[in-house]
């Protein structure tokens, strides 16, 4: 939740934001806002700004898969003739000589600079060396590295490893090119959809890319050119951030509602983005059938709800069916012995793991092997979490497979979430009673109010003694556990007449 800093958000507004169930909200002028993706309007191809053939285009990460791809694209399709290519090793980097030869054959001049763009002094020297005859007219920042890990493992060093080539370099480019107006017509940042959607194990990468998105908006607000392209997952020869994906991996990703970017589709989206005035664009193909199915089952991520709408009746029916299935599972487990519960849950988990990975069946899943060993990544982790959310009725964290790294460990966790033991229920109930006691001790009712409170509490106790057996304890605990302090105060106020 983000506030606009215009005074403190009222308790009512914060409560309203929390009640939306949205994973991300912003409070602006007392209004709760939630982000949604929307289709971008772009100009026709012949109306998009042309690239200046006499200007210099600076590309960072030039020997990376995307840097190489877009350098050749600019020379081939946009007649760019002067390319300033940055790489830490310059023309000695692997692939540099081959790229130079290809660009030369296309009629372009490739000028290499051995430069870490995160080094402000070194970058300043490179930019100052650009000849006035071919002024800097565009920047394309493609550099980036991955260092995935769960949040607890992300040390400052690991954060810096990812942030330095992305965020630090982008800020240096921003500051060192501000006096290159009006020649500088394009400032393109290669961001990632991870900064928009988030992703398990990519907290550092998501943060670095979110910085790029914010920088583009900052520049736009200052009247400077900027576009941040939060690319989806690439599958191109040479790898890229997504690596080369096989057909099974691509099919799995599509089941999640998005496709993968090929070299051809990515270049088309890049060109289309030139015709947009938006500071942030998310270029990725959508699998509408998969998204509609998610919407119908009530599992559509919040960001996509502006693009896909499920018929209310179908959504309600799907939600009811999922709830009924989860309740049936809970009832079934309640009638089993502990070993039998573990057997049922293990089959459930292994069935879903097999479905996510494309295995023939649950019997092919080794419950003792870690999810990372069998090929789980951030995307498969989210898919498994979503499947288990639907089948168990339990709201599970996105970091599920990182927190419980084997099917066996996951089964133990699920058992406790689906069927909390009596000790847990009693502890929760007693904790809520402690809270109620504290609320009562802080109240200062008059004699009449005190009498009403006393009578009500005595009635509740009598009802508990007369009507409630041990089997009801868990249900009461669940109700009290879900209540906030404000709920308890509201309850006391309504029931006992305290304002």
Protein backbone atom coordinates (compact mmCIF):
# COMPACT_ATOMS: atom_id res chain seq x y z
CA UNK A 1 0.00 0.00 0.00
CA UNK A 2 1.33 3.41 -1.01
CA UNK A 3 0.04 6.76 0.19
CA UNK A 4 0.47 10.15 -1.46
CA UNK A 5 2.05 11.76 1.58
CA UNK A 6 -0.72 14.35 1.75
CA UNK A 7 -1.45 13.93 5.43
CA UNK A 8 -2.03 10.67 7.21
CA UNK A 9 -4.37 8.18 5.58
CA UNK A 10 -7.47 7.80 7.68
CA UNK A 11 -8.21 4.54 9.40
CA UNK A 12 -11.32 4.19 7.26
CA UNK A 13 -9.41 4.63 4.00
CA UNK A 14 -6.71 2.15 4.98
CA UNK A 15 -9.37 -0.34 6.04
CA UNK A 16 -11.12 0.14 2.69
CA UNK A 17 -7.86 -0.52 0.85
CA UNK A 18 -7.23 -3.69 2.83
CA UNK A 19 -10.80 -4.86 2.30
CA UNK A 20 -10.37 -4.83 -1.49
CA UNK A 21 -8.14 -7.88 -1.32
CA UNK A 22 -5.90 -6.25 -3.93
CA UNK A 23 -2.22 -7.20 -3.69
CA UNK A 24 -1.21 -3.61 -4.46
CA UNK A 25 -3.05 -0.37 -3.76
CA UNK A 26 -2.36 3.35 -3.67
CA UNK A 27 -4.25 6.01 -1.72
CA UNK A 28 -4.50 9.30 -3.57
CA UNK A 29 -6.54 12.20 -2.16
CA UNK A 30 -8.45 9.76 0.00
CA UNK A 31 -9.33 7.49 -2.94
CA UNK A 32 -8.14 3.88 -3.07
CA UNK A 33 -6.66 2.96 -6.44
CA UNK A 34 -5.54 -0.42 -7.77
CA UNK A 35 -3.35 -1.04 -10.85
CA UNK A 36 -4.75 -2.67 -13.98
CA UNK A 37 -3.21 -3.49 -17.33
CA UNK A 38 -4.86 -1.83 -20.34
CA UNK A 39 -4.27 -2.18 -24.03
CA UNK A 40 -1.97 0.55 -25.29
CA UNK A 41 -2.90 2.80 -28.17
CA UNK A 42 -0.08 3.19 -30.68
CA UNK A 43 0.29 5.23 -33.82
CA UNK A 44 0.16 3.62 -37.23
CA UNK A 45 3.50 2.32 -38.47
CA UNK A 46 3.92 5.14 -40.96
CA UNK A 47 3.20 7.74 -38.26
CA UNK A 48 5.78 6.54 -35.72
CA UNK A 49 8.87 8.77 -35.33
CA UNK A 50 11.67 7.83 -37.69
CA UNK A 51 15.18 7.03 -36.50
CA UNK A 52 17.77 9.62 -37.46
CA UNK A 53 20.27 7.91 -39.81
CA UNK A 54 22.92 10.55 -39.06
CA UNK A 55 22.67 10.33 -35.29
CA UNK A 56 24.42 7.99 -32.88
CA UNK A 57 22.47 5.28 -31.07
CA UNK A 58 24.08 4.12 -27.80
CA UNK A 59 23.31 0.52 -26.78
CA UNK A 60 24.35 -0.95 -23.43
CA UNK A 61 24.76 -4.70 -23.03
CA UNK A 62 25.58 -4.77 -26.73
CA UNK A 63 27.01 -8.29 -26.79
CA UNK A 64 24.06 -9.74 -24.91
CA UNK A 65 21.34 -11.57 -26.80
CA UNK A 66 18.96 -8.61 -26.87
CA UNK A 67 21.63 -5.98 -27.44
CA UNK A 68 22.86 -7.86 -30.50
CA UNK A 69 19.34 -8.50 -31.79
CA UNK A 70 18.30 -4.86 -31.62
CA UNK A 71 21.57 -3.47 -32.97
CA UNK A 72 21.07 -5.55 -36.12
CA UNK A 73 17.39 -4.59 -36.26
CA UNK A 74 18.16 -0.87 -36.20
CA UNK A 75 20.70 -1.24 -38.98
CA UNK A 76 18.51 -3.53 -41.09
CA UNK A 77 15.08 -1.97 -40.74
CA UNK A 78 15.65 1.62 -39.65
CA UNK A 79 18.79 2.64 -41.57
CA UNK A 80 20.69 3.52 -38.39
CA UNK A 81 24.29 3.99 -39.48
CA UNK A 82 26.16 4.95 -36.30
CA UNK A 83 26.04 2.57 -33.35
CA UNK A 84 27.96 3.13 -30.12
CA UNK A 85 28.09 -0.31 -28.51
CA UNK A 86 28.92 -0.63 -24.81
CA UNK A 87 30.24 -3.77 -23.20
CA UNK A 88 32.51 -4.26 -20.23
CA UNK A 89 35.12 -5.82 -22.50
CA UNK A 90 34.39 -3.71 -25.54
CA UNK A 91 35.36 -5.25 -28.87
CA UNK A 92 37.16 -8.05 -27.00
CA UNK A 93 33.89 -9.43 -25.67
CA UNK A 94 32.67 -12.75 -27.08
CA UNK A 95 30.56 -12.12 -30.16
CA UNK A 96 31.77 -8.55 -30.68
CA UNK A 97 33.78 -9.22 -33.83
CA UNK A 98 30.93 -11.20 -35.40
CA UNK A 99 28.45 -8.42 -34.65
CA UNK A 100 30.81 -5.81 -36.10
CA UNK A 101 31.10 -7.81 -39.31
CA UNK A 102 27.33 -8.16 -39.63
CA UNK A 103 26.70 -4.47 -38.99
CA UNK A 104 29.40 -3.46 -41.46
CA UNK A 105 27.78 -5.66 -44.09
CA UNK A 106 24.52 -3.84 -43.43
CA UNK A 107 26.18 -0.48 -44.04
CA UNK A 108 26.45 0.59 -40.39
CA UNK A 109 29.48 1.68 -38.39
CA UNK A 110 30.01 -0.11 -35.08
CA UNK A 111 32.01 1.83 -32.49
CA UNK A 112 32.87 -0.19 -29.39
CA UNK A 113 33.56 1.11 -25.90
CA UNK A 114 34.84 -1.02 -23.03
CA UNK A 115 32.70 0.56 -20.34
CA UNK A 116 30.68 -0.39 -17.30
CA UNK A 117 27.69 1.96 -17.59
CA UNK A 118 27.30 1.83 -13.81
CA UNK A 119 30.66 3.63 -13.58
CA UNK A 120 29.60 7.25 -13.96
CA UNK A 121 33.07 8.59 -14.74
CA UNK A 122 33.77 5.99 -17.42
CA UNK A 123 30.34 6.48 -18.99
CA UNK A 124 30.77 10.25 -19.05
CA UNK A 125 34.02 9.87 -21.01
CA UNK A 126 32.31 7.64 -23.56
CA UNK A 127 29.40 10.03 -24.06
CA UNK A 128 31.73 13.03 -24.36
CA UNK A 129 33.61 11.23 -27.14
CA UNK A 130 30.57 11.17 -29.43
CA UNK A 131 31.37 13.35 -32.47
CA UNK A 132 29.25 16.45 -33.04
CA UNK A 133 28.76 15.35 -36.64
CA UNK A 134 26.76 12.38 -35.35
CA UNK A 135 25.15 13.57 -32.11
CA UNK A 136 23.57 11.22 -29.62
CA UNK A 137 19.98 10.72 -30.78
CA UNK A 138 18.94 7.56 -28.93
CA UNK A 139 19.82 5.42 -25.92
CA UNK A 140 18.80 1.77 -25.63
CA UNK A 141 19.64 0.27 -22.24
CA UNK A 142 19.53 -3.54 -22.49
CA UNK A 143 22.12 -4.50 -19.86
CA UNK A 144 21.09 -6.74 -16.97
CA UNK A 145 21.96 -9.84 -14.97
CA UNK A 146 20.04 -12.35 -12.85
CA UNK A 147 20.82 -13.59 -9.35
CA UNK A 148 17.61 -15.25 -8.18
CA UNK A 149 16.97 -16.29 -4.59
CA UNK A 150 14.34 -16.15 -1.87
CA UNK A 151 14.14 -12.87 0.01
CA UNK A 152 15.97 -14.17 3.08
CA UNK A 153 19.00 -15.03 0.95
CA UNK A 154 19.28 -11.64 -0.77
CA UNK A 155 22.27 -9.97 0.83
CA UNK A 156 23.19 -6.35 0.03
CA UNK A 157 25.87 -7.75 -2.28
CA UNK A 158 23.36 -9.84 -4.21
CA UNK A 159 21.01 -6.88 -4.46
CA UNK A 160 23.84 -4.74 -5.82
CA UNK A 161 24.84 -7.42 -8.34
CA UNK A 162 21.47 -7.04 -10.02
CA UNK A 163 20.76 -3.36 -9.33
CA UNK A 164 24.12 -2.03 -10.52
CA UNK A 165 23.91 -2.91 -14.25
CA UNK A 166 20.18 -2.13 -14.36
CA UNK A 167 19.35 0.76 -12.05
CA UNK A 168 22.71 2.45 -11.45
CA UNK A 169 23.55 2.40 -15.15
CA UNK A 170 20.11 3.76 -16.07
CA UNK A 171 20.44 6.65 -13.63
CA UNK A 172 23.88 7.51 -15.01
CA UNK A 173 22.49 7.49 -18.54
CA UNK A 174 19.64 9.73 -17.40
CA UNK A 175 21.87 12.33 -15.78
CA UNK A 176 24.63 12.31 -18.38
CA UNK A 177 22.32 12.76 -21.38
CA UNK A 178 20.05 15.51 -20.06
CA UNK A 179 22.01 18.20 -21.91
CA UNK A 180 21.74 16.32 -25.22
CA UNK A 181 18.30 17.78 -25.99
CA UNK A 182 16.79 18.29 -28.46
CA UNK A 183 18.92 15.79 -30.40
CA UNK A 184 18.13 12.93 -28.03
CA UNK A 185 14.77 11.68 -29.32
CA UNK A 186 14.59 8.22 -27.75
CA UNK A 187 15.56 6.91 -24.32
CA UNK A 188 14.51 3.26 -24.18
CA UNK A 189 14.93 1.16 -21.04
CA UNK A 190 14.68 -2.63 -21.32
CA UNK A 191 12.80 -3.53 -18.17
CA UNK A 192 11.04 -6.77 -17.26
CA UNK A 193 7.49 -7.87 -16.53
CA UNK A 194 8.86 -9.13 -13.21
CA UNK A 195 8.85 -5.52 -12.04
CA UNK A 196 5.14 -5.30 -12.87
CA UNK A 197 3.90 -8.73 -11.79
CA UNK A 198 6.58 -9.71 -9.30
CA UNK A 199 7.92 -13.23 -9.17
CA UNK A 200 9.06 -15.73 -6.55
CA UNK A 201 12.83 -15.68 -6.19
CA UNK A 202 13.24 -12.46 -8.16
CA UNK A 203 12.87 -9.79 -5.51
CA UNK A 204 16.13 -8.11 -6.50
CA UNK A 205 15.46 -8.31 -10.23
CA UNK A 206 11.89 -7.05 -9.83
CA UNK A 207 13.08 -4.09 -7.75
CA UNK A 208 15.76 -3.12 -10.26
CA UNK A 209 13.29 -3.22 -13.14
CA UNK A 210 10.63 -1.34 -11.19
CA UNK A 211 13.24 1.41 -10.78
CA UNK A 212 13.59 1.58 -14.56
CA UNK A 213 9.82 1.88 -14.94
CA UNK A 214 9.74 4.70 -12.39
CA UNK A 215 12.68 6.45 -14.04
CA UNK A 216 10.85 6.50 -17.37
CA UNK A 217 7.84 8.09 -15.70
CA UNK A 218 10.12 10.58 -13.93
CA UNK A 219 11.73 11.62 -17.21
CA UNK A 220 8.37 11.93 -18.94
CA UNK A 221 7.15 14.22 -16.16
CA UNK A 222 10.21 16.41 -16.82
CA UNK A 223 9.46 16.59 -20.54
CA UNK A 224 12.32 14.25 -21.45
CA UNK A 225 11.94 11.31 -23.84
CA UNK A 226 11.60 7.93 -22.14
CA UNK A 227 9.99 4.55 -22.62
CA UNK A 228 10.40 1.59 -20.31
CA UNK A 229 9.60 -1.71 -22.01
CA UNK A 230 8.76 -4.32 -19.36
CA UNK A 231 9.37 -7.32 -21.58
CA UNK A 232 7.79 -10.68 -20.97
CA UNK A 233 9.81 -13.88 -21.22
CA UNK A 234 11.97 -14.28 -24.32
CA UNK A 235 12.75 -17.50 -26.14
CA UNK A 236 15.41 -16.64 -28.69
CA UNK A 237 18.54 -18.26 -30.04
CA UNK A 238 21.39 -17.47 -27.70
CA UNK A 239 19.26 -17.44 -24.59
CA UNK A 240 18.38 -13.99 -23.32
CA UNK A 241 17.04 -13.74 -19.78
CA UNK A 242 14.56 -16.54 -20.40
CA UNK A 243 16.97 -18.87 -22.13
CA UNK A 244 16.01 -21.09 -25.02
CA UNK A 245 12.73 -22.77 -24.07
CA UNK A 246 11.54 -26.15 -25.28
CA UNK A 247 7.98 -26.87 -26.39
CA UNK A 248 6.91 -28.27 -23.01
CA UNK A 249 8.13 -25.13 -21.22
CA UNK A 250 6.39 -22.86 -23.71
CA UNK A 251 3.13 -24.83 -23.33
CA UNK A 252 3.36 -24.53 -19.56
CA UNK A 253 3.90 -20.78 -19.71
CA UNK A 254 0.94 -20.37 -22.05
CA UNK A 255 -1.30 -22.20 -19.61
CA UNK A 256 -0.57 -19.33 -17.23
CA UNK A 257 -2.12 -16.85 -19.66
CA UNK A 258 0.90 -15.30 -21.37
CA UNK A 259 2.98 -16.36 -24.32
CA UNK A 260 6.69 -16.08 -24.94
CA UNK A 261 8.45 -13.53 -27.08
CA UNK A 262 10.24 -14.64 -30.21
CA UNK A 263 12.77 -12.47 -31.99
CA UNK A 264 10.18 -11.59 -34.63
CA UNK A 265 7.36 -10.73 -32.23
CA UNK A 266 9.67 -8.80 -29.94
CA UNK A 267 10.99 -6.63 -32.76
CA UNK A 268 7.44 -5.90 -33.92
CA UNK A 269 6.43 -4.81 -30.43
CA UNK A 270 9.55 -2.66 -30.14
CA UNK A 271 8.64 -0.83 -33.34
CA UNK A 272 5.02 -0.44 -32.20
CA UNK A 273 6.19 1.11 -28.93
CA UNK A 274 7.81 3.94 -30.92
CA UNK A 275 4.31 5.10 -31.75
CA UNK A 276 3.17 5.36 -28.13
CA UNK A 277 3.39 8.24 -25.69
CA UNK A 278 3.23 5.94 -22.65
CA UNK A 279 6.22 5.94 -20.32
CA UNK A 280 5.69 2.28 -19.37
CA UNK A 281 4.64 -0.48 -21.72
CA UNK A 282 4.46 -4.22 -21.08
CA UNK A 283 5.18 -5.95 -24.39
CA UNK A 284 4.04 -9.56 -24.15
CA UNK A 285 1.63 -11.84 -25.99
CA UNK A 286 -1.51 -12.89 -24.14
CA UNK A 287 -3.19 -16.29 -24.23
CA UNK A 288 -6.77 -15.11 -23.99
CA UNK A 289 -8.34 -18.57 -23.71
CA UNK A 290 -6.21 -19.35 -20.66
CA UNK A 291 -6.96 -15.96 -19.11
CA UNK A 292 -10.70 -16.41 -19.64
CA UNK A 293 -10.53 -19.80 -17.98
CA UNK A 294 -8.76 -18.22 -15.00
CA UNK A 295 -11.37 -15.48 -14.87
CA UNK A 296 -14.15 -18.06 -14.91
CA UNK A 297 -12.59 -19.93 -12.00
CA UNK A 298 -11.94 -16.77 -10.01
CA UNK A 299 -8.16 -17.19 -10.27
CA UNK A 300 -7.35 -14.34 -12.66
CA UNK A 301 -4.51 -12.15 -11.31
CA UNK A 302 -5.77 -8.70 -10.35
CA UNK A 303 -3.65 -6.87 -12.92
CA UNK A 304 -5.41 -8.67 -15.80
CA UNK A 305 -8.97 -7.92 -14.68
CA UNK A 306 -9.20 -4.89 -16.93
CA UNK A 307 -8.42 -7.03 -19.97
CA UNK A 308 -10.54 -10.10 -19.26
CA UNK A 309 -13.93 -10.21 -17.67
CA UNK A 310 -15.71 -13.42 -16.74
CA UNK A 311 -19.51 -13.58 -16.88
CA UNK A 312 -20.71 -13.04 -13.32
CA UNK A 313 -22.75 -16.24 -13.34
CA UNK A 314 -19.84 -18.37 -14.55
CA UNK A 315 -17.46 -16.80 -12.05
CA UNK A 316 -19.93 -17.39 -9.22
CA UNK A 317 -20.51 -20.99 -10.30
CA UNK A 318 -16.78 -21.67 -10.56
CA UNK A 319 -16.10 -20.09 -7.19
CA UNK A 320 -18.90 -22.14 -5.64
CA UNK A 321 -17.59 -25.33 -7.22
CA UNK A 322 -14.06 -24.63 -5.98
CA UNK A 323 -15.33 -23.90 -2.48
CA UNK A 324 -17.39 -27.09 -2.50
CA UNK A 325 -14.38 -29.10 -3.63
CA UNK A 326 -12.18 -27.61 -0.92
CA UNK A 327 -14.83 -28.30 1.72
CA UNK A 328 -15.18 -31.89 0.50
CA UNK A 329 -11.42 -32.33 0.84
CA UNK A 330 -11.50 -30.91 4.36
CA UNK A 331 -14.34 -33.23 5.36
CA UNK A 332 -12.61 -36.23 3.83
CA UNK A 333 -9.37 -35.51 5.66
CA UNK A 334 -11.27 -34.99 8.90
CA UNK A 335 -12.45 -38.60 8.85
CA UNK A 336 -9.03 -40.13 8.22
CA UNK A 337 -6.17 -41.18 10.43
CA UNK A 338 -2.96 -39.15 10.34
CA UNK A 339 -1.11 -41.56 7.99
CA UNK A 340 -4.13 -41.64 5.68
CA UNK A 341 -4.29 -37.84 5.60
CA UNK A 342 -0.65 -37.63 4.57
CA UNK A 343 -1.24 -40.21 1.83
CA UNK A 344 -4.20 -38.27 0.40
CA UNK A 345 -2.38 -34.94 0.53
CA UNK A 346 0.77 -36.40 -1.00
CA UNK A 347 -1.24 -37.75 -3.92
CA UNK A 348 -2.88 -34.34 -4.31
CA UNK A 349 0.44 -32.49 -4.31
CA UNK A 350 2.15 -34.95 -6.65
CA UNK A 351 -0.81 -34.84 -9.04
CA UNK A 352 -0.54 -31.07 -9.29
CA UNK A 353 3.25 -31.16 -9.60
CA UNK A 354 2.95 -33.67 -12.44
CA UNK A 355 0.38 -31.49 -14.19
CA UNK A 356 2.59 -28.41 -13.94
CA UNK A 357 5.71 -30.18 -15.20
CA UNK A 358 3.93 -32.26 -17.84
CA UNK A 359 4.71 -35.61 -16.21
CA UNK A 360 2.54 -38.66 -17.05
CA UNK A 361 1.13 -38.94 -13.53
CA UNK A 362 1.71 -38.45 -9.79
CA UNK A 363 3.60 -41.73 -9.49
CA UNK A 364 6.46 -40.20 -11.51
CA UNK A 365 7.05 -37.49 -8.88
CA UNK A 366 9.65 -38.26 -6.22
CA UNK A 367 8.27 -36.66 -3.02
CA UNK A 368 11.75 -36.43 -1.49
CA UNK A 369 13.34 -34.48 -4.35
CA UNK A 370 13.40 -30.71 -4.12
CA UNK A 371 11.32 -28.64 -6.49
CA UNK A 372 14.45 -26.90 -7.75
CA UNK A 373 15.98 -30.26 -8.68
CA UNK A 374 13.04 -31.20 -10.88
CA UNK A 375 13.08 -27.88 -12.73
CA UNK A 376 10.76 -25.52 -10.88
CA UNK A 377 11.28 -21.82 -11.50
CA UNK A 378 9.33 -18.70 -10.59
CA UNK A 379 6.66 -19.35 -13.21
CA UNK A 380 6.05 -22.99 -12.34
CA UNK A 381 6.06 -22.07 -8.66
CA UNK A 382 3.19 -19.65 -9.21
CA UNK A 383 1.25 -22.17 -11.30
CA UNK A 384 1.55 -24.83 -8.60
CA UNK A 385 0.53 -22.33 -5.93
CA UNK A 386 -2.55 -21.35 -7.95
CA UNK A 387 -3.57 -24.96 -8.49
CA UNK A 388 -3.24 -25.78 -4.81
CA UNK A 389 -5.11 -22.60 -3.88
CA UNK A 390 -8.06 -23.84 -5.92
CA UNK A 391 -8.03 -27.44 -4.72
CA UNK A 392 -7.46 -26.77 -1.02
CA UNK A 393 -9.29 -23.48 -0.51
CA UNK A 394 -6.26 -22.21 1.40
CA UNK A 395 -4.63 -18.88 0.49
CA UNK A 396 -1.03 -19.93 -0.10
CA UNK A 397 2.07 -17.72 -0.47
CA UNK A 398 3.76 -17.22 -3.84
CA UNK A 399 7.00 -18.47 -2.26
CA UNK A 400 5.42 -21.83 -1.44
CA UNK A 401 7.96 -24.07 -3.18
CA UNK A 402 10.85 -22.05 -1.78
CA UNK A 403 9.54 -22.20 1.79
CA UNK A 404 8.64 -25.91 1.57
CA UNK A 405 11.15 -27.24 -0.96
CA UNK A 406 9.91 -30.84 -1.39
CA UNK A 407 6.47 -32.44 -1.83
CA UNK A 408 6.91 -34.10 1.57
CA UNK A 409 7.55 -30.75 3.26
CA UNK A 410 4.66 -29.17 1.40
CA UNK A 411 2.28 -31.93 2.54
CA UNK A 412 3.15 -31.29 6.17
CA UNK A 413 2.47 -27.58 5.73
CA UNK A 414 -0.83 -28.14 3.94
CA UNK A 415 -2.07 -30.54 6.61
CA UNK A 416 -1.64 -27.87 9.25
CA UNK A 417 -3.33 -25.22 7.11
CA UNK A 418 -6.32 -27.33 6.08
CA UNK A 419 -6.88 -29.00 9.44
CA UNK A 420 -5.29 -26.98 12.25
CA UNK A 421 -4.93 -29.12 15.35
CA UNK A 422 -6.95 -28.55 18.50
CA UNK A 423 -4.00 -27.05 20.36
CA UNK A 424 -3.61 -24.38 17.69
CA UNK A 425 -7.33 -23.60 17.80
CA UNK A 426 -7.35 -23.27 21.59
CA UNK A 427 -4.24 -21.08 21.57
CA UNK A 428 -5.81 -18.80 18.98
CA UNK A 429 -9.05 -18.59 20.96
CA UNK A 430 -7.25 -17.73 24.19
CA UNK A 431 -5.21 -15.05 22.41
CA UNK A 432 -8.38 -13.41 21.13
CA UNK A 433 -9.90 -13.55 24.60
CA UNK A 434 -6.79 -11.77 25.89
CA UNK A 435 -7.45 -9.08 23.32
CA UNK A 436 -11.07 -8.80 24.38
CA UNK A 437 -9.98 -8.52 28.01
CA UNK A 438 -7.62 -5.70 27.10
CA UNK A 439 -10.39 -3.91 25.21
CA UNK A 440 -12.74 -4.19 28.15
CA UNK A 441 -10.14 -2.97 30.63
CA UNK A 442 -9.58 0.13 28.51
CA UNK A 443 -13.29 0.96 28.30
CA UNK A 444 -14.92 3.42 30.72
CA UNK A 445 -18.68 2.88 30.47
CA UNK A 446 -21.18 4.37 32.88
CA UNK A 447 -23.06 2.17 35.36
CA UNK A 448 -25.79 1.33 32.88
CA UNK A 449 -23.26 0.39 30.20
CA UNK A 450 -21.26 -1.73 32.63
CA UNK A 451 -24.41 -3.60 33.63
CA UNK A 452 -25.25 -4.31 29.99
CA UNK A 453 -21.71 -5.52 29.28
CA UNK A 454 -21.76 -7.78 32.33
CA UNK A 455 -25.12 -9.24 31.39
CA UNK A 456 -23.99 -9.89 27.83
CA UNK A 457 -20.76 -11.59 28.87
CA UNK A 458 -22.62 -13.75 31.36
CA UNK A 459 -25.08 -14.73 28.64
CA UNK A 460 -22.25 -15.65 26.29
CA UNK A 461 -20.59 -17.77 28.96
CA UNK A 462 -23.86 -19.51 29.76
CA UNK A 463 -24.43 -20.24 26.08
CA UNK A 464 -20.89 -21.61 25.78
CA UNK A 465 -21.39 -23.92 28.75
CA UNK A 466 -24.82 -25.10 27.63
CA UNK A 467 -24.54 -25.39 23.86
CA UNK A 468 -20.91 -25.72 22.84
CA UNK A 469 -18.85 -28.82 23.05
CA UNK A 470 -15.13 -29.26 22.43
CA UNK A 471 -15.78 -29.92 18.76
CA UNK A 472 -16.91 -26.33 18.26
CA UNK A 473 -13.74 -24.73 19.60
CA UNK A 474 -11.96 -24.65 16.28
CA UNK A 475 -14.85 -22.86 14.57
CA UNK A 476 -15.00 -20.15 17.24
CA UNK A 477 -11.24 -19.74 17.09
CA UNK A 478 -11.36 -19.34 13.34
CA UNK A 479 -13.98 -16.59 13.64
CA UNK A 480 -12.05 -14.76 16.33
CA UNK A 481 -8.74 -15.24 14.55
CA UNK A 482 -10.12 -13.47 11.49
CA UNK A 483 -11.28 -10.49 13.55
CA UNK A 484 -9.11 -7.38 13.77
CA UNK A 485 -8.85 -5.09 16.79
CA UNK A 486 -11.25 -2.72 15.03
CA UNK A 487 -13.72 -5.58 14.51
CA UNK A 488 -13.62 -6.33 18.23
CA UNK A 489 -14.15 -2.69 19.16
CA UNK A 490 -17.04 -2.47 16.69
CA UNK A 491 -18.53 -5.62 18.20
CA UNK A 492 -18.29 -4.22 21.71
CA UNK A 493 -19.72 -0.90 20.56
CA UNK A 494 -22.71 -2.41 18.76
CA UNK A 495 -23.50 -5.09 21.31
CA UNK A 496 -22.94 -3.05 24.45
CA UNK A 497 -23.74 0.49 23.37
CA UNK A 498 -20.22 1.88 23.85
CA UNK A 499 -19.21 4.70 21.47
